[in-house]
């Protein structure tokens, strides 16, 4: 799951391993020229049985981090 939020680009794609999904997120600057620099990596922030739940957890973690930077 990739999306833009505020002035960041977020990749909240979970890792699938052994029938489980690990929530995680990478946060990049979202420059207008398409260039991106990674500014934050979450590591694993939760383990889920569904890809959708893991992606939502990573998404929420990333949004909370972005909001804390304002």
PDB file of N, CA and C in Angstrom:
ATOM      1  N   UNK A   1       0.852  -1.172   0.000  1.00  0.00           N
ATOM      2  CA  UNK A   1       0.000   0.000   0.000  1.00  0.00           C
ATOM      3  C   UNK A   1       0.899   1.235   0.000  1.00  0.00           C
ATOM      4  N   UNK A   2       0.866   1.975  -1.079  1.00  0.00           N
ATOM      5  CA  UNK A   2       1.636   3.213  -1.172  1.00  0.00           C
ATOM      6  C   UNK A   2       0.683   4.387  -1.330  1.00  0.00           C
ATOM      7  N   UNK A   3       1.017   5.490  -0.658  1.00  0.00           N
ATOM      8  CA  UNK A   3       0.182   6.686  -0.739  1.00  0.00           C
ATOM      9  C   UNK A   3       0.976   7.889  -0.259  1.00  0.00           C
ATOM     10  N   UNK A   4       0.479   9.063  -0.595  1.00  0.00           N
ATOM     11  CA  UNK A   4       1.066  10.313  -0.125  1.00  0.00           C
ATOM     12  C   UNK A   4       0.245  10.837   1.034  1.00  0.00           C
ATOM     13  N   UNK A   5       0.949  11.382   2.032  1.00  0.00           N
ATOM     14  CA  UNK A   5       0.302  11.976   3.197  1.00  0.00           C
ATOM     15  C   UNK A   5       1.125  13.177   3.617  1.00  0.00           C
ATOM     16  N   UNK A   6       0.466  14.318   3.686  1.00  0.00           N
ATOM     17  CA  UNK A   6       1.145  15.590   3.949  1.00  0.00           C
ATOM     18  C   UNK A   6       2.271  15.755   2.934  1.00  0.00           C
ATOM     19  N   UNK A   7       3.492  15.981   3.373  1.00  0.00           N
ATOM     20  CA  UNK A   7       4.592  16.104   2.406  1.00  0.00           C
ATOM     21  C   UNK A   7       5.476  14.856   2.404  1.00  0.00           C
ATOM     22  N   UNK A   8       4.866  13.711   2.707  1.00  0.00           N
ATOM     23  CA  UNK A   8       5.573  12.429   2.719  1.00  0.00           C
ATOM     24  C   UNK A   8       4.949  11.451   1.723  1.00  0.00           C
ATOM     25  N   UNK A   9       5.753  10.495   1.292  1.00  0.00           N
ATOM     26  CA  UNK A   9       5.260   9.344   0.530  1.00  0.00           C
ATOM     27  C   UNK A   9       5.461   8.131   1.427  1.00  0.00           C
ATOM     28  N   UNK A  10       4.435   7.306   1.572  1.00  0.00           N
ATOM     29  CA  UNK A  10       4.462   6.175   2.496  1.00  0.00           C
ATOM     30  C   UNK A  10       4.288   4.869   1.730  1.00  0.00           C
ATOM     31  N   UNK A  11       5.132   3.905   2.068  1.00  0.00           N
ATOM     32  CA  UNK A  11       4.978   2.536   1.577  1.00  0.00           C
ATOM     33  C   UNK A  11       4.706   1.672   2.808  1.00  0.00           C
ATOM     34  N   UNK A  12       3.452   1.258   2.972  1.00  0.00           N
ATOM     35  CA  UNK A  12       3.045   0.441   4.121  1.00  0.00           C
ATOM     36  C   UNK A  12       2.741  -0.984   3.668  1.00  0.00           C
ATOM     37  N   UNK A  13       3.550  -1.506   2.754  1.00  0.00           N
ATOM     38  CA  UNK A  13       3.359  -2.863   2.248  1.00  0.00           C
ATOM     39  C   UNK A  13       3.868  -3.869   3.276  1.00  0.00           C
ATOM     40  N   UNK A  14       3.015  -4.797   3.716  1.00  0.00           N
ATOM     41  CA  UNK A  14       3.447  -5.769   4.727  1.00  0.00           C
ATOM     42  C   UNK A  14       4.361  -6.840   4.128  1.00  0.00           C
ATOM     43  N   UNK A  15       5.105  -7.495   4.997  1.00  0.00           N
ATOM     44  CA  UNK A  15       5.943  -8.627   4.626  1.00  0.00           C
ATOM     45  C   UNK A  15       5.158  -9.909   4.889  1.00  0.00           C
ATOM     46  N   UNK A  16       5.041 -10.770   3.880  1.00  0.00           N
ATOM     47  CA  UNK A  16       4.363 -12.058   4.036  1.00  0.00           C
ATOM     48  C   UNK A  16       5.421 -13.129   4.293  1.00  0.00           C
ATOM     49  N   UNK A  17       5.221 -13.866   5.387  1.00  0.00           N
ATOM     50  CA  UNK A  17       6.172 -14.920   5.703  1.00  0.00           C
ATOM     51  C   UNK A  17       5.496 -15.982   6.567  1.00  0.00           C
ATOM     52  N   UNK A  18       5.536 -17.213   6.121  1.00  0.00           N
ATOM     53  CA  UNK A  18       5.007 -18.323   6.906  1.00  0.00           C
ATOM     54  C   UNK A  18       3.526 -18.241   7.199  1.00  0.00           C
ATOM     55  N   UNK A  19       2.755 -17.697   6.267  1.00  0.00           N
ATOM     56  CA  UNK A  19       1.319 -17.584   6.474  1.00  0.00           C
ATOM     57  C   UNK A  19       0.903 -16.431   7.378  1.00  0.00           C
ATOM     58  N   UNK A  20       1.848 -15.608   7.776  1.00  0.00           N
ATOM     59  CA  UNK A  20       1.581 -14.429   8.612  1.00  0.00           C
ATOM     60  C   UNK A  20       2.023 -13.196   7.840  1.00  0.00           C
ATOM     61  N   UNK A  21       1.510 -12.046   8.255  1.00  0.00           N
ATOM     62  CA  UNK A  21       1.856 -10.781   7.621  1.00  0.00           C
ATOM     63  C   UNK A  21       2.387  -9.838   8.691  1.00  0.00           C
ATOM     64  N   UNK A  22       3.536  -9.242   8.389  1.00  0.00           N
ATOM     65  CA  UNK A  22       4.184  -8.343   9.326  1.00  0.00           C
ATOM     66  C   UNK A  22       3.992  -6.899   8.870  1.00  0.00           C
ATOM     67  N   UNK A  23       3.377  -6.101   9.739  1.00  0.00           N
ATOM     68  CA  UNK A  23       3.129  -4.690   9.436  1.00  0.00           C
ATOM     69  C   UNK A  23       4.436  -3.926   9.529  1.00  0.00           C
ATOM     70  N   UNK A  24       4.643  -3.037   8.567  1.00  0.00           N
ATOM     71  CA  UNK A  24       5.830  -2.198   8.521  1.00  0.00           C
ATOM     72  C   UNK A  24       5.560  -1.027   7.604  1.00  0.00           C
ATOM     73  N   UNK A  25       6.383  -0.015   7.701  1.00  0.00           N
ATOM     74  CA  UNK A  25       6.214   1.149   6.821  1.00  0.00           C
ATOM     75  C   UNK A  25       7.553   1.822   6.581  1.00  0.00           C
ATOM     76  N   UNK A  26       7.693   2.357   5.397  1.00  0.00           N
ATOM     77  CA  UNK A  26       8.833   3.201   5.032  1.00  0.00           C
ATOM     78  C   UNK A  26       8.261   4.558   4.652  1.00  0.00           C
ATOM     79  N   UNK A  27       8.881   5.600   5.164  1.00  0.00           N
ATOM     80  CA  UNK A  27       8.410   6.960   4.920  1.00  0.00           C
ATOM     81  C   UNK A  27       9.502   7.719   4.180  1.00  0.00           C
ATOM     82  N   UNK A  28       9.091   8.367   3.108  1.00  0.00           N
ATOM     83  CA  UNK A  28       9.996   9.116   2.249  1.00  0.00           C
ATOM     84  C   UNK A  28       9.523  10.565   2.155  1.00  0.00           C
ATOM     85  N   UNK A  29      10.450  11.462   1.830  1.00  0.00           N
ATOM     86  CA  UNK A  29      10.032  12.799   1.441  1.00  0.00           C
ATOM     87  C   UNK A  29       9.348  12.671   0.083  1.00  0.00           C
ATOM     88  N   UNK A  30       8.363  13.483  -0.163  1.00  0.00           N
ATOM     89  CA  UNK A  30       7.642  13.446  -1.446  1.00  0.00           C
ATOM     90  C   UNK A  30       7.940  14.725  -2.203  1.00  0.00           C
ATOM     91  N   UNK A  31       9.097  14.784  -2.821  1.00  0.00           N
ATOM     92  CA  UNK A  31       9.505  15.967  -3.580  1.00  0.00           C
ATOM     93  C   UNK A  31       8.706  16.049  -4.876  1.00  0.00           C
ATOM     94  N   UNK A  32       8.427  17.243  -5.313  1.00  0.00           N
ATOM     95  CA  UNK A  32       7.636  17.457  -6.517  1.00  0.00           C
ATOM     96  C   UNK A  32       8.281  16.932  -7.792  1.00  0.00           C
ATOM     97  N   UNK A  33       9.594  16.778  -7.805  1.00  0.00           N
ATOM     98  CA  UNK A  33      10.287  16.319  -9.012  1.00  0.00           C
ATOM     99  C   UNK A  33      10.379  14.793  -9.091  1.00  0.00           C
ATOM    100  N   UNK A  34       9.730  14.081  -8.181  1.00  0.00           N
ATOM    101  CA  UNK A  34       9.729  12.625  -8.195  1.00  0.00           C
ATOM    102  C   UNK A  34      10.852  11.992  -7.384  1.00  0.00           C
ATOM    103  N   UNK A  35      11.838  12.800  -6.960  1.00  0.00           N
ATOM    104  CA  UNK A  35      12.919  12.273  -6.131  1.00  0.00           C
ATOM    105  C   UNK A  35      12.404  12.024  -4.713  1.00  0.00           C
ATOM    106  N   UNK A  36      12.891  10.932  -4.107  1.00  0.00           N
ATOM    107  CA  UNK A  36      12.448  10.609  -2.751  1.00  0.00           C
ATOM    108  C   UNK A  36      13.639  10.173  -1.916  1.00  0.00           C
ATOM    109  N   UNK A  37      13.654  10.624  -0.679  1.00  0.00           N
ATOM    110  CA  UNK A  37      14.667  10.198   0.283  1.00  0.00           C
ATOM    111  C   UNK A  37      13.954   9.554   1.461  1.00  0.00           C
ATOM    112  N   UNK A  38      14.427   8.374   1.863  1.00  0.00           N
ATOM    113  CA  UNK A  38      13.812   7.703   3.007  1.00  0.00           C
ATOM    114  C   UNK A  38      14.151   8.476   4.275  1.00  0.00           C
ATOM    115  N   UNK A  39      13.130   8.763   5.085  1.00  0.00           N
ATOM    116  CA  UNK A  39      13.349   9.492   6.325  1.00  0.00           C
ATOM    117  C   UNK A  39      13.047   8.660   7.560  1.00  0.00           C
ATOM    118  N   UNK A  40      12.287   7.575   7.410  1.00  0.00           N
ATOM    119  CA  UNK A  40      11.954   6.760   8.574  1.00  0.00           C
ATOM    120  C   UNK A  40      11.569   5.354   8.137  1.00  0.00           C
ATOM    121  N   UNK A  41      12.044   4.367   8.885  1.00  0.00           N
ATOM    122  CA  UNK A  41      11.707   2.957   8.672  1.00  0.00           C
ATOM    123  C   UNK A  41      11.165   2.439   9.995  1.00  0.00           C
ATOM    124  N   UNK A  42      10.005   1.804   9.961  1.00  0.00           N
ATOM    125  CA  UNK A  42       9.354   1.383  11.197  1.00  0.00           C
ATOM    126  C   UNK A  42       9.924   0.116  11.799  1.00  0.00           C
ATOM    127  N   UNK A  43      10.486  -0.762  10.965  1.00  0.00           N
ATOM    128  CA  UNK A  43      10.722  -2.120  11.438  1.00  0.00           C
ATOM    129  C   UNK A  43       9.360  -2.805  11.520  1.00  0.00           C
ATOM    130  N   UNK A  44       9.298  -3.991  12.069  1.00  0.00           N
ATOM    131  CA  UNK A  44       8.010  -4.684  12.200  1.00  0.00           C
ATOM    132  C   UNK A  44       7.237  -4.085  13.370  1.00  0.00           C
ATOM    133  N   UNK A  45       5.986  -3.683  13.108  1.00  0.00           N
ATOM    134  CA  UNK A  45       5.162  -3.069  14.155  1.00  0.00           C
ATOM    135  C   UNK A  45       3.953  -3.921  14.518  1.00  0.00           C
ATOM    136  N   UNK A  46       3.875  -5.130  14.007  1.00  0.00           N
ATOM    137  CA  UNK A  46       2.778  -6.031  14.357  1.00  0.00           C
ATOM    138  C   UNK A  46       2.754  -7.226  13.435  1.00  0.00           C
ATOM    139  N   UNK A  47       2.129  -8.304  13.918  1.00  0.00           N
ATOM    140  CA  UNK A  47       1.999  -9.538  13.151  1.00  0.00           C
ATOM    141  C   UNK A  47       0.514  -9.867  13.034  1.00  0.00           C
ATOM    142  N   UNK A  48       0.077 -10.201  11.811  1.00  0.00           N
ATOM    143  CA  UNK A  48      -1.351 -10.392  11.548  1.00  0.00           C
ATOM    144  C   UNK A  48      -1.583 -11.609  10.672  1.00  0.00           C
ATOM    145  N   UNK A  49      -2.805 -12.121  10.715  1.00  0.00           N
ATOM    146  CA  UNK A  49      -3.160 -13.259   9.867  1.00  0.00           C
ATOM    147  C   UNK A  49      -3.671 -12.810   8.508  1.00  0.00           C
ATOM    148  N   UNK A  50      -3.968 -11.512   8.346  1.00  0.00           N
ATOM    149  CA  UNK A  50      -4.426 -11.020   7.042  1.00  0.00           C
ATOM    150  C   UNK A  50      -3.539  -9.879   6.552  1.00  0.00           C
ATOM    151  N   UNK A  51      -3.358  -9.863   5.243  1.00  0.00           N
ATOM    152  CA  UNK A  51      -2.562  -8.810   4.616  1.00  0.00           C
ATOM    153  C   UNK A  51      -3.201  -7.448   4.832  1.00  0.00           C
ATOM    154  N   UNK A  52      -4.517  -7.385   4.765  1.00  0.00           N
ATOM    155  CA  UNK A  52      -5.228  -6.113   4.920  1.00  0.00           C
ATOM    156  C   UNK A  52      -5.020  -5.526   6.314  1.00  0.00           C
ATOM    157  N   UNK A  53      -5.094  -6.372   7.358  1.00  0.00           N
ATOM    158  CA  UNK A  53      -4.893  -5.883   8.720  1.00  0.00           C
ATOM    159  C   UNK A  53      -3.466  -5.387   8.922  1.00  0.00           C
ATOM    160  N   UNK A  54      -2.503  -6.112   8.357  1.00  0.00           N
ATOM    161  CA  UNK A  54      -1.107  -5.691   8.483  1.00  0.00           C
ATOM    162  C   UNK A  54      -0.868  -4.370   7.760  1.00  0.00           C
ATOM    163  N   UNK A  55      -1.425  -4.223   6.574  1.00  0.00           N
ATOM    164  CA  UNK A  55      -1.261  -2.977   5.824  1.00  0.00           C
ATOM    165  C   UNK A  55      -1.894  -1.809   6.573  1.00  0.00           C
ATOM    166  N   UNK A  56      -3.050  -2.029   7.164  1.00  0.00           N
ATOM    167  CA  UNK A  56      -3.728  -0.966   7.920  1.00  0.00           C
ATOM    168  C   UNK A  56      -2.913  -0.559   9.149  1.00  0.00           C
ATOM    169  N   UNK A  57      -2.322  -1.523   9.822  1.00  0.00           N
ATOM    170  CA  UNK A  57      -1.476  -1.218  10.979  1.00  0.00           C
ATOM    171  C   UNK A  57      -0.263  -0.393  10.552  1.00  0.00           C
ATOM    172  N   UNK A  58       0.405  -0.793   9.477  1.00  0.00           N
ATOM    173  CA  UNK A  58       1.547  -0.032   8.972  1.00  0.00           C
ATOM    174  C   UNK A  58       1.144   1.364   8.550  1.00  0.00           C
ATOM    175  N   UNK A  59      -0.007   1.469   7.910  1.00  0.00           N
ATOM    176  CA  UNK A  59      -0.539   2.775   7.486  1.00  0.00           C
ATOM    177  C   UNK A  59      -0.764   3.677   8.699  1.00  0.00           C
ATOM    178  N   UNK A  60      -1.418   3.142   9.719  1.00  0.00           N
ATOM    179  CA  UNK A  60      -1.702   3.936  10.924  1.00  0.00           C
ATOM    180  C   UNK A  60      -0.423   4.357  11.631  1.00  0.00           C
ATOM    181  N   UNK A  61       0.550   3.445  11.708  1.00  0.00           N
ATOM    182  CA  UNK A  61       1.828   3.791  12.327  1.00  0.00           C
ATOM    183  C   UNK A  61       2.468   4.960  11.588  1.00  0.00           C
ATOM    184  N   UNK A  62       2.489   4.876  10.254  1.00  0.00           N
ATOM    185  CA  UNK A  62       3.126   5.918   9.442  1.00  0.00           C
ATOM    186  C   UNK A  62       2.417   7.263   9.591  1.00  0.00           C
ATOM    187  N   UNK A  63       1.107   7.253   9.564  1.00  0.00           N
ATOM    188  CA  UNK A  63       0.360   8.509   9.719  1.00  0.00           C
ATOM    189  C   UNK A  63       0.622   9.116  11.088  1.00  0.00           C
ATOM    190  N   UNK A  64       0.634   8.289  12.136  1.00  0.00           N
ATOM    191  CA  UNK A  64       0.932   8.806  13.478  1.00  0.00           C
ATOM    192  C   UNK A  64       2.318   9.426  13.526  1.00  0.00           C
ATOM    193  N   UNK A  65       3.303   8.764  12.881  1.00  0.00           N
ATOM    194  CA  UNK A  65       4.663   9.316  12.873  1.00  0.00           C
ATOM    195  C   UNK A  65       4.683  10.644  12.135  1.00  0.00           C
ATOM    196  N   UNK A  66       4.060  10.705  10.978  1.00  0.00           N
ATOM    197  CA  UNK A  66       4.026  11.951  10.194  1.00  0.00           C
ATOM    198  C   UNK A  66       3.369  13.071  10.992  1.00  0.00           C
ATOM    199  N   UNK A  67       2.272  12.768  11.652  1.00  0.00           N
ATOM    200  CA  UNK A  67       1.574  13.779  12.448  1.00  0.00           C
ATOM    201  C   UNK A  67       2.454  14.271  13.608  1.00  0.00           C
ATOM    202  N   UNK A  68       3.268  13.385  14.170  1.00  0.00           N
ATOM    203  CA  UNK A  68       4.126  13.783  15.293  1.00  0.00           C
ATOM    204  C   UNK A  68       5.256  14.705  14.847  1.00  0.00           C
ATOM    205  N   UNK A  69       5.531  14.770  13.558  1.00  0.00           N
ATOM    206  CA  UNK A  69       6.599  15.612  13.032  1.00  0.00           C
ATOM    207  C   UNK A  69       6.147  17.031  12.752  1.00  0.00           C
ATOM    208  N   UNK A  70       4.866  17.289  12.846  1.00  0.00           N
ATOM    209  CA  UNK A  70       4.335  18.627  12.534  1.00  0.00           C
ATOM    210  C   UNK A  70       4.425  19.550  13.727  1.00  0.00           C
TER     211      UNK A  70
END
